[in-house]
């Protein structure tokens, strides 16, 4: 099954959260900004410079889950991310 985003939507695969040390106290809630890899791009997001295969920091609060993927508007991509 293939999913093609419409208009300015971007389909991303969330990257696993980094493991944290047990010595550092961290809050229990998850941060709304996550690392993700772009899987598919809607036609209106292509002129904005969004590319398949590029990793981004994404605001996950603006997205809808589609199976194990997340569908977000292109303006929810906060920044490009490189390891």
PDB file of N, CA and C in Angstrom:
ATOM      1  N   UNK A   1       0.843  -1.181   0.000  1.00  0.00           N
ATOM      2  CA  UNK A   1       0.000   0.000   0.000  1.00  0.00           C
ATOM      3  C   UNK A   1       0.888   1.244   0.000  1.00  0.00           C
ATOM      4  N   UNK A   2       0.609   2.165  -0.905  1.00  0.00           N
ATOM      5  CA  UNK A   2       1.372   3.412  -0.949  1.00  0.00           C
ATOM      6  C   UNK A   2       0.476   4.562  -0.512  1.00  0.00           C
ATOM      7  N   UNK A   3       1.069   5.519   0.149  1.00  0.00           N
ATOM      8  CA  UNK A   3       0.352   6.698   0.603  1.00  0.00           C
ATOM      9  C   UNK A   3       1.019   7.920   0.004  1.00  0.00           C
ATOM     10  N   UNK A   4       0.288   8.706  -0.760  1.00  0.00           N
ATOM     11  CA  UNK A   4       0.795   9.934  -1.359  1.00  0.00           C
ATOM     12  C   UNK A   4       0.119  11.125  -0.684  1.00  0.00           C
ATOM     13  N   UNK A   5       0.886  11.990  -0.043  1.00  0.00           N
ATOM     14  CA  UNK A   5       0.296  13.155   0.612  1.00  0.00           C
ATOM     15  C   UNK A   5      -0.309  14.130  -0.402  1.00  0.00           C
ATOM     16  N   UNK A   6      -1.340  14.824   0.009  1.00  0.00           N
ATOM     17  CA  UNK A   6      -1.974  15.839  -0.823  1.00  0.00           C
ATOM     18  C   UNK A   6      -1.469  17.220  -0.423  1.00  0.00           C
ATOM     19  N   UNK A   7      -1.619  18.174  -1.322  1.00  0.00           N
ATOM     20  CA  UNK A   7      -1.282  19.593  -1.105  1.00  0.00           C
ATOM     21  C   UNK A   7       0.080  19.774  -0.437  1.00  0.00           C
ATOM     22  N   UNK A   8       0.115  20.401   0.746  1.00  0.00           N
ATOM     23  CA  UNK A   8       1.388  20.752   1.398  1.00  0.00           C
ATOM     24  C   UNK A   8       1.773  19.769   2.497  1.00  0.00           C
ATOM     25  N   UNK A   9       1.215  18.580   2.461  1.00  0.00           N
ATOM     26  CA  UNK A   9       1.490  17.596   3.517  1.00  0.00           C
ATOM     27  C   UNK A   9       2.768  16.812   3.218  1.00  0.00           C
ATOM     28  N   UNK A  10       3.412  16.355   4.311  1.00  0.00           N
ATOM     29  CA  UNK A  10       4.650  15.580   4.229  1.00  0.00           C
ATOM     30  C   UNK A  10       4.481  14.335   5.086  1.00  0.00           C
ATOM     31  N   UNK A  11       4.849  13.190   4.550  1.00  0.00           N
ATOM     32  CA  UNK A  11       4.769  11.926   5.283  1.00  0.00           C
ATOM     33  C   UNK A  11       6.166  11.602   5.801  1.00  0.00           C
ATOM     34  N   UNK A  12       6.288  11.426   7.133  1.00  0.00           N
ATOM     35  CA  UNK A  12       7.596  11.179   7.743  1.00  0.00           C
ATOM     36  C   UNK A  12       7.558   9.917   8.594  1.00  0.00           C
ATOM     37  N   UNK A  13       8.746   9.315   8.756  1.00  0.00           N
ATOM     38  CA  UNK A  13       8.925   8.165   9.651  1.00  0.00           C
ATOM     39  C   UNK A  13       9.733   8.664  10.844  1.00  0.00           C
ATOM     40  N   UNK A  14       9.150   8.592  12.042  1.00  0.00           N
ATOM     41  CA  UNK A  14       9.830   9.070  13.240  1.00  0.00           C
ATOM     42  C   UNK A  14      11.027   8.186  13.563  1.00  0.00           C
ATOM     43  N   UNK A  15      12.128   8.816  13.957  1.00  0.00           N
ATOM     44  CA  UNK A  15      13.334   8.106  14.356  1.00  0.00           C
ATOM     45  C   UNK A  15      13.170   7.705  15.822  1.00  0.00           C
ATOM     46  N   UNK A  16      13.798   6.610  16.243  1.00  0.00           N
ATOM     47  CA  UNK A  16      13.686   6.206  17.646  1.00  0.00           C
ATOM     48  C   UNK A  16      14.295   7.260  18.566  1.00  0.00           C
ATOM     49  N   UNK A  17      13.722   7.380  19.762  1.00  0.00           N
ATOM     50  CA  UNK A  17      14.252   8.312  20.746  1.00  0.00           C
ATOM     51  C   UNK A  17      15.611   7.847  21.229  1.00  0.00           C
ATOM     52  N   UNK A  18      16.496   8.787  21.492  1.00  0.00           N
ATOM     53  CA  UNK A  18      17.826   8.458  21.994  1.00  0.00           C
ATOM     54  C   UNK A  18      17.708   7.934  23.424  1.00  0.00           C
ATOM     55  N   UNK A  19      18.551   6.968  23.753  1.00  0.00           N
ATOM     56  CA  UNK A  19      18.570   6.443  25.121  1.00  0.00           C
ATOM     57  C   UNK A  19      19.192   7.478  26.049  1.00  0.00           C
ATOM     58  N   UNK A  20      18.605   7.636  27.199  1.00  0.00           N
ATOM     59  CA  UNK A  20      19.117   8.609  28.164  1.00  0.00           C
ATOM     60  C   UNK A  20      19.725   7.895  29.353  1.00  0.00           C
ATOM     61  N   UNK A  21      20.664   8.557  29.963  1.00  0.00           N
ATOM     62  CA  UNK A  21      21.341   7.995  31.128  1.00  0.00           C
ATOM     63  C   UNK A  21      20.394   7.943  32.314  1.00  0.00           C
ATOM     64  N   UNK A  22      20.537   6.920  33.142  1.00  0.00           N
ATOM     65  CA  UNK A  22      19.717   6.788  34.354  1.00  0.00           C
ATOM     66  C   UNK A  22      20.160   7.777  35.431  1.00  0.00           C
ATOM     67  N   UNK A  23      21.329   8.388  35.252  1.00  0.00           N
ATOM     68  CA  UNK A  23      21.842   9.312  36.261  1.00  0.00           C
ATOM     69  C   UNK A  23      21.235  10.709  36.144  1.00  0.00           C
ATOM     70  N   UNK A  24      20.620  10.996  34.997  1.00  0.00           N
ATOM     71  CA  UNK A  24      20.050  12.320  34.783  1.00  0.00           C
ATOM     72  C   UNK A  24      18.542  12.252  34.969  1.00  0.00           C
ATOM     73  N   UNK A  25      18.018  13.119  35.806  1.00  0.00           N
ATOM     74  CA  UNK A  25      16.570  13.168  36.011  1.00  0.00           C
ATOM     75  C   UNK A  25      15.932  13.871  34.820  1.00  0.00           C
ATOM     76  N   UNK A  26      14.975  13.217  34.179  1.00  0.00           N
ATOM     77  CA  UNK A  26      14.292  13.796  33.025  1.00  0.00           C
ATOM     78  C   UNK A  26      12.791  13.739  33.258  1.00  0.00           C
ATOM     79  N   UNK A  27      12.053  14.674  32.676  1.00  0.00           N
ATOM     80  CA  UNK A  27      10.598  14.616  32.813  1.00  0.00           C
ATOM     81  C   UNK A  27      10.032  13.394  32.089  1.00  0.00           C
ATOM     82  N   UNK A  28       8.874  12.933  32.545  1.00  0.00           N
ATOM     83  CA  UNK A  28       8.257  11.745  31.963  1.00  0.00           C
ATOM     84  C   UNK A  28       7.618  12.011  30.603  1.00  0.00           C
ATOM     85  N   UNK A  29       7.242  13.240  30.346  1.00  0.00           N
ATOM     86  CA  UNK A  29       6.550  13.515  29.081  1.00  0.00           C
ATOM     87  C   UNK A  29       7.536  13.559  27.919  1.00  0.00           C
ATOM     88  N   UNK A  30       7.019  13.291  26.752  1.00  0.00           N
ATOM     89  CA  UNK A  30       7.825  13.249  25.544  1.00  0.00           C
ATOM     90  C   UNK A  30       7.854  14.636  24.903  1.00  0.00           C
ATOM     91  N   UNK A  31       8.979  15.033  24.357  1.00  0.00           N
ATOM     92  CA  UNK A  31       9.099  16.325  23.706  1.00  0.00           C
ATOM     93  C   UNK A  31       8.282  16.345  22.403  1.00  0.00           C
ATOM     94  N   UNK A  32       7.659  17.466  22.066  1.00  0.00           N
ATOM     95  CA  UNK A  32       6.878  17.518  20.829  1.00  0.00           C
ATOM     96  C   UNK A  32       7.743  17.647  19.576  1.00  0.00           C
ATOM     97  N   UNK A  33       9.041  17.900  19.713  1.00  0.00           N
ATOM     98  CA  UNK A  33       9.945  17.988  18.570  1.00  0.00           C
ATOM     99  C   UNK A  33      10.725  16.679  18.478  1.00  0.00           C
ATOM    100  N   UNK A  34      10.590  15.994  17.338  1.00  0.00           N
ATOM    101  CA  UNK A  34      11.247  14.691  17.151  1.00  0.00           C
ATOM    102  C   UNK A  34      12.009  14.688  15.836  1.00  0.00           C
ATOM    103  N   UNK A  35      12.979  13.798  15.748  1.00  0.00           N
ATOM    104  CA  UNK A  35      13.709  13.596  14.501  1.00  0.00           C
ATOM    105  C   UNK A  35      12.903  12.647  13.625  1.00  0.00           C
ATOM    106  N   UNK A  36      12.879  12.936  12.311  1.00  0.00           N
ATOM    107  CA  UNK A  36      12.105  12.105  11.383  1.00  0.00           C
ATOM    108  C   UNK A  36      12.732  12.143  10.000  1.00  0.00           C
ATOM    109  N   UNK A  37      12.486  11.070   9.245  1.00  0.00           N
ATOM    110  CA  UNK A  37      12.952  11.009   7.863  1.00  0.00           C
ATOM    111  C   UNK A  37      11.764  11.159   6.929  1.00  0.00           C
ATOM    112  N   UNK A  38      11.892  11.999   5.927  1.00  0.00           N
ATOM    113  CA  UNK A  38      10.823  12.251   4.964  1.00  0.00           C
ATOM    114  C   UNK A  38      10.656  11.040   4.051  1.00  0.00           C
ATOM    115  N   UNK A  39       9.420  10.544   3.935  1.00  0.00           N
ATOM    116  CA  UNK A  39       9.112   9.369   3.134  1.00  0.00           C
ATOM    117  C   UNK A  39       8.407   9.748   1.833  1.00  0.00           C
ATOM    118  N   UNK A  40       7.514  10.749   1.896  1.00  0.00           N
ATOM    119  CA  UNK A  40       6.776  11.200   0.714  1.00  0.00           C
ATOM    120  C   UNK A  40       6.402  12.670   0.896  1.00  0.00           C
ATOM    121  N   UNK A  41       6.264  13.383  -0.225  1.00  0.00           N
ATOM    122  CA  UNK A  41       6.014  14.825  -0.199  1.00  0.00           C
ATOM    123  C   UNK A  41       4.836  15.153  -1.103  1.00  0.00           C
ATOM    124  N   UNK A  42       3.909  15.990  -0.613  1.00  0.00           N
ATOM    125  CA  UNK A  42       2.807  16.462  -1.431  1.00  0.00           C
ATOM    126  C   UNK A  42       3.288  17.456  -2.479  1.00  0.00           C
ATOM    127  N   UNK A  43       2.523  17.658  -3.550  1.00  0.00           N
ATOM    128  CA  UNK A  43       2.971  18.513  -4.655  1.00  0.00           C
ATOM    129  C   UNK A  43       3.216  19.974  -4.270  1.00  0.00           C
ATOM    130  N   UNK A  44       2.497  20.514  -3.304  1.00  0.00           N
ATOM    131  CA  UNK A  44       2.692  21.912  -2.911  1.00  0.00           C
ATOM    132  C   UNK A  44       3.881  22.103  -1.976  1.00  0.00           C
ATOM    133  N   UNK A  45       4.416  21.017  -1.408  1.00  0.00           N
ATOM    134  CA  UNK A  45       5.578  21.124  -0.513  1.00  0.00           C
ATOM    135  C   UNK A  45       6.893  21.011  -1.275  1.00  0.00           C
ATOM    136  N   UNK A  46       6.854  20.474  -2.493  1.00  0.00           N
ATOM    137  CA  UNK A  46       8.082  20.307  -3.288  1.00  0.00           C
ATOM    138  C   UNK A  46       8.725  21.663  -3.607  1.00  0.00           C
ATOM    139  N   UNK A  47       7.970  22.683  -4.064  1.00  0.00           N
ATOM    140  CA  UNK A  47       8.603  23.973  -4.331  1.00  0.00           C
ATOM    141  C   UNK A  47       9.177  24.640  -3.074  1.00  0.00           C
ATOM    142  N   UNK A  48       8.753  24.214  -1.911  1.00  0.00           N
ATOM    143  CA  UNK A  48       9.245  24.791  -0.660  1.00  0.00           C
ATOM    144  C   UNK A  48      10.593  24.188  -0.258  1.00  0.00           C
ATOM    145  N   UNK A  49      11.087  23.207  -1.013  1.00  0.00           N
ATOM    146  CA  UNK A  49      12.400  22.627  -0.750  1.00  0.00           C
ATOM    147  C   UNK A  49      12.383  21.363   0.100  1.00  0.00           C
ATOM    148  N   UNK A  50      11.222  20.774   0.318  1.00  0.00           N
ATOM    149  CA  UNK A  50      11.136  19.534   1.092  1.00  0.00           C
ATOM    150  C   UNK A  50      11.464  18.364   0.171  1.00  0.00           C
ATOM    151  N   UNK A  51      12.380  17.492   0.599  1.00  0.00           N
ATOM    152  CA  UNK A  51      12.841  16.386  -0.243  1.00  0.00           C
ATOM    153  C   UNK A  51      12.696  15.046   0.473  1.00  0.00           C
ATOM    154  N   UNK A  52      12.390  14.014  -0.289  1.00  0.00           N
ATOM    155  CA  UNK A  52      12.307  12.644   0.241  1.00  0.00           C
ATOM    156  C   UNK A  52      13.707  12.179   0.617  1.00  0.00           C
ATOM    157  N   UNK A  53      13.811  11.496   1.751  1.00  0.00           N
ATOM    158  CA  UNK A  53      15.083  10.961   2.205  1.00  0.00           C
ATOM    159  C   UNK A  53      15.861  11.874   3.136  1.00  0.00           C
ATOM    160  N   UNK A  54      15.453  13.136   3.217  1.00  0.00           N
ATOM    161  CA  UNK A  54      16.125  14.099   4.093  1.00  0.00           C
ATOM    162  C   UNK A  54      15.559  13.952   5.502  1.00  0.00           C
ATOM    163  N   UNK A  55      16.408  14.132   6.518  1.00  0.00           N
ATOM    164  CA  UNK A  55      15.968  14.042   7.907  1.00  0.00           C
ATOM    165  C   UNK A  55      15.690  15.446   8.436  1.00  0.00           C
ATOM    166  N   UNK A  56      14.572  15.567   9.162  1.00  0.00           N
ATOM    167  CA  UNK A  56      14.123  16.853   9.686  1.00  0.00           C
ATOM    168  C   UNK A  56      13.805  16.743  11.175  1.00  0.00           C
ATOM    169  N   UNK A  57      13.780  17.881  11.837  1.00  0.00           N
ATOM    170  CA  UNK A  57      13.175  17.985  13.161  1.00  0.00           C
ATOM    171  C   UNK A  57      11.729  18.372  12.919  1.00  0.00           C
ATOM    172  N   UNK A  58      10.786  17.630  13.522  1.00  0.00           N
ATOM    173  CA  UNK A  58       9.362  17.780  13.217  1.00  0.00           C
ATOM    174  C   UNK A  58       8.570  18.033  14.494  1.00  0.00           C
ATOM    175  N   UNK A  59       7.614  18.965  14.421  1.00  0.00           N
ATOM    176  CA  UNK A  59       6.664  19.176  15.508  1.00  0.00           C
ATOM    177  C   UNK A  59       5.573  18.120  15.356  1.00  0.00           C
ATOM    178  N   UNK A  60       5.579  17.107  16.226  1.00  0.00           N
ATOM    179  CA  UNK A  60       4.649  15.985  16.066  1.00  0.00           C
ATOM    180  C   UNK A  60       3.229  16.310  16.521  1.00  0.00           C
ATOM    181  N   UNK A  61       3.044  17.426  17.234  1.00  0.00           N
ATOM    182  CA  UNK A  61       1.704  17.784  17.707  1.00  0.00           C
ATOM    183  C   UNK A  61       0.785  18.187  16.558  1.00  0.00           C
ATOM    184  N   UNK A  62       1.346  18.583  15.423  1.00  0.00           N
ATOM    185  CA  UNK A  62       0.547  19.033  14.288  1.00  0.00           C
ATOM    186  C   UNK A  62       0.214  17.906  13.311  1.00  0.00           C
ATOM    187  N   UNK A  63       0.625  16.660  13.616  1.00  0.00           N
ATOM    188  CA  UNK A  63       0.466  15.579  12.652  1.00  0.00           C
ATOM    189  C   UNK A  63      -0.631  14.588  12.981  1.00  0.00           C
ATOM    190  N   UNK A  64      -0.926  13.751  11.999  1.00  0.00           N
ATOM    191  CA  UNK A  64      -1.860  12.646  12.156  1.00  0.00           C
ATOM    192  C   UNK A  64      -1.112  11.353  11.869  1.00  0.00           C
ATOM    193  N   UNK A  65      -1.317  10.347  12.712  1.00  0.00           N
ATOM    194  CA  UNK A  65      -0.659   9.063  12.511  1.00  0.00           C
ATOM    195  C   UNK A  65      -1.315   8.309  11.363  1.00  0.00           C
ATOM    196  N   UNK A  66      -0.467   7.716  10.512  1.00  0.00           N
ATOM    197  CA  UNK A  66      -0.912   6.869   9.413  1.00  0.00           C
ATOM    198  C   UNK A  66      -0.093   5.590   9.526  1.00  0.00           C
ATOM    199  N   UNK A  67      -0.625   4.596  10.232  1.00  0.00           N
ATOM    200  CA  UNK A  67       0.145   3.378  10.513  1.00  0.00           C
ATOM    201  C   UNK A  67       1.322   3.720  11.408  1.00  0.00           C
ATOM    202  N   UNK A  68       2.538   3.389  10.960  1.00  0.00           N
ATOM    203  CA  UNK A  68       3.733   3.720  11.735  1.00  0.00           C
ATOM    204  C   UNK A  68       4.374   5.025  11.254  1.00  0.00           C
ATOM    205  N   UNK A  69       3.671   5.770  10.384  1.00  0.00           N
ATOM    206  CA  UNK A  69       4.167   7.034   9.844  1.00  0.00           C
ATOM    207  C   UNK A  69       3.365   8.202  10.409  1.00  0.00           C
ATOM    208  N   UNK A  70       3.842   9.412  10.149  1.00  0.00           N
ATOM    209  CA  UNK A  70       3.166  10.616  10.622  1.00  0.00           C
ATOM    210  C   UNK A  70       2.984  11.564   9.443  1.00  0.00           C
ATOM    211  N   UNK A  71       1.772  12.071   9.258  1.00  0.00           N
ATOM    212  CA  UNK A  71       1.457  13.013   8.187  1.00  0.00           C
ATOM    213  C   UNK A  71       1.381  14.408   8.790  1.00  0.00           C
ATOM    214  N   UNK A  72       2.269  15.312   8.350  1.00  0.00           N
ATOM    215  CA  UNK A  72       2.335  16.666   8.916  1.00  0.00           C
ATOM    216  C   UNK A  72       2.321  17.694   7.791  1.00  0.00           C
ATOM    217  N   UNK A  73       1.840  18.920   8.059  1.00  0.00           N
ATOM    218  CA  UNK A  73       1.987  19.995   7.080  1.00  0.00           C
ATOM    219  C   UNK A  73       3.464  20.401   6.999  1.00  0.00           C
ATOM    220  N   UNK A  74       3.899  20.898   5.840  1.00  0.00           N
ATOM    221  CA  UNK A  74       5.319  21.196   5.663  1.00  0.00           C
ATOM    222  C   UNK A  74       5.826  22.228   6.660  1.00  0.00           C
ATOM    223  N   UNK A  75       4.970  23.127   7.133  1.00  0.00           N
ATOM    224  CA  UNK A  75       5.428  24.158   8.083  1.00  0.00           C
ATOM    225  C   UNK A  75       5.679  23.583   9.478  1.00  0.00           C
ATOM    226  N   UNK A  76       5.386  22.290   9.689  1.00  0.00           N
ATOM    227  CA  UNK A  76       5.719  21.631  10.960  1.00  0.00           C
ATOM    228  C   UNK A  76       7.141  21.076  10.953  1.00  0.00           C
ATOM    229  N   UNK A  77       7.809  21.178   9.806  1.00  0.00           N
ATOM    230  CA  UNK A  77       9.221  20.792   9.731  1.00  0.00           C
ATOM    231  C   UNK A  77      10.021  21.961  10.291  1.00  0.00           C
ATOM    232  N   UNK A  78      10.654  21.758  11.422  1.00  0.00           N
ATOM    233  CA  UNK A  78      11.332  22.846  12.116  1.00  0.00           C
ATOM    234  C   UNK A  78      12.698  23.144  11.510  1.00  0.00           C
ATOM    235  N   UNK A  79      13.470  22.087  11.179  1.00  0.00           N
ATOM    236  CA  UNK A  79      14.810  22.271  10.623  1.00  0.00           C
ATOM    237  C   UNK A  79      15.276  20.970   9.987  1.00  0.00           C
ATOM    238  N   UNK A  80      16.262  21.076   9.091  1.00  0.00           N
ATOM    239  CA  UNK A  80      16.922  19.877   8.592  1.00  0.00           C
ATOM    240  C   UNK A  80      17.846  19.369   9.678  1.00  0.00           C
ATOM    241  N   UNK A  81      18.050  18.050   9.722  1.00  0.00           N
ATOM    242  CA  UNK A  81      18.852  17.451  10.773  1.00  0.00           C
ATOM    243  C   UNK A  81      19.860  16.504  10.147  1.00  0.00           C
ATOM    244  N   UNK A  82      21.120  16.610  10.572  1.00  0.00           N
ATOM    245  CA  UNK A  82      22.177  15.718  10.105  1.00  0.00           C
ATOM    246  C   UNK A  82      22.845  15.086  11.306  1.00  0.00           C
ATOM    247  N   UNK A  83      23.239  13.835  11.171  1.00  0.00           N
ATOM    248  CA  UNK A  83      23.922  13.143  12.273  1.00  0.00           C
ATOM    249  C   UNK A  83      25.372  13.535  12.310  1.00  0.00           C
TER     250      UNK A  83
END
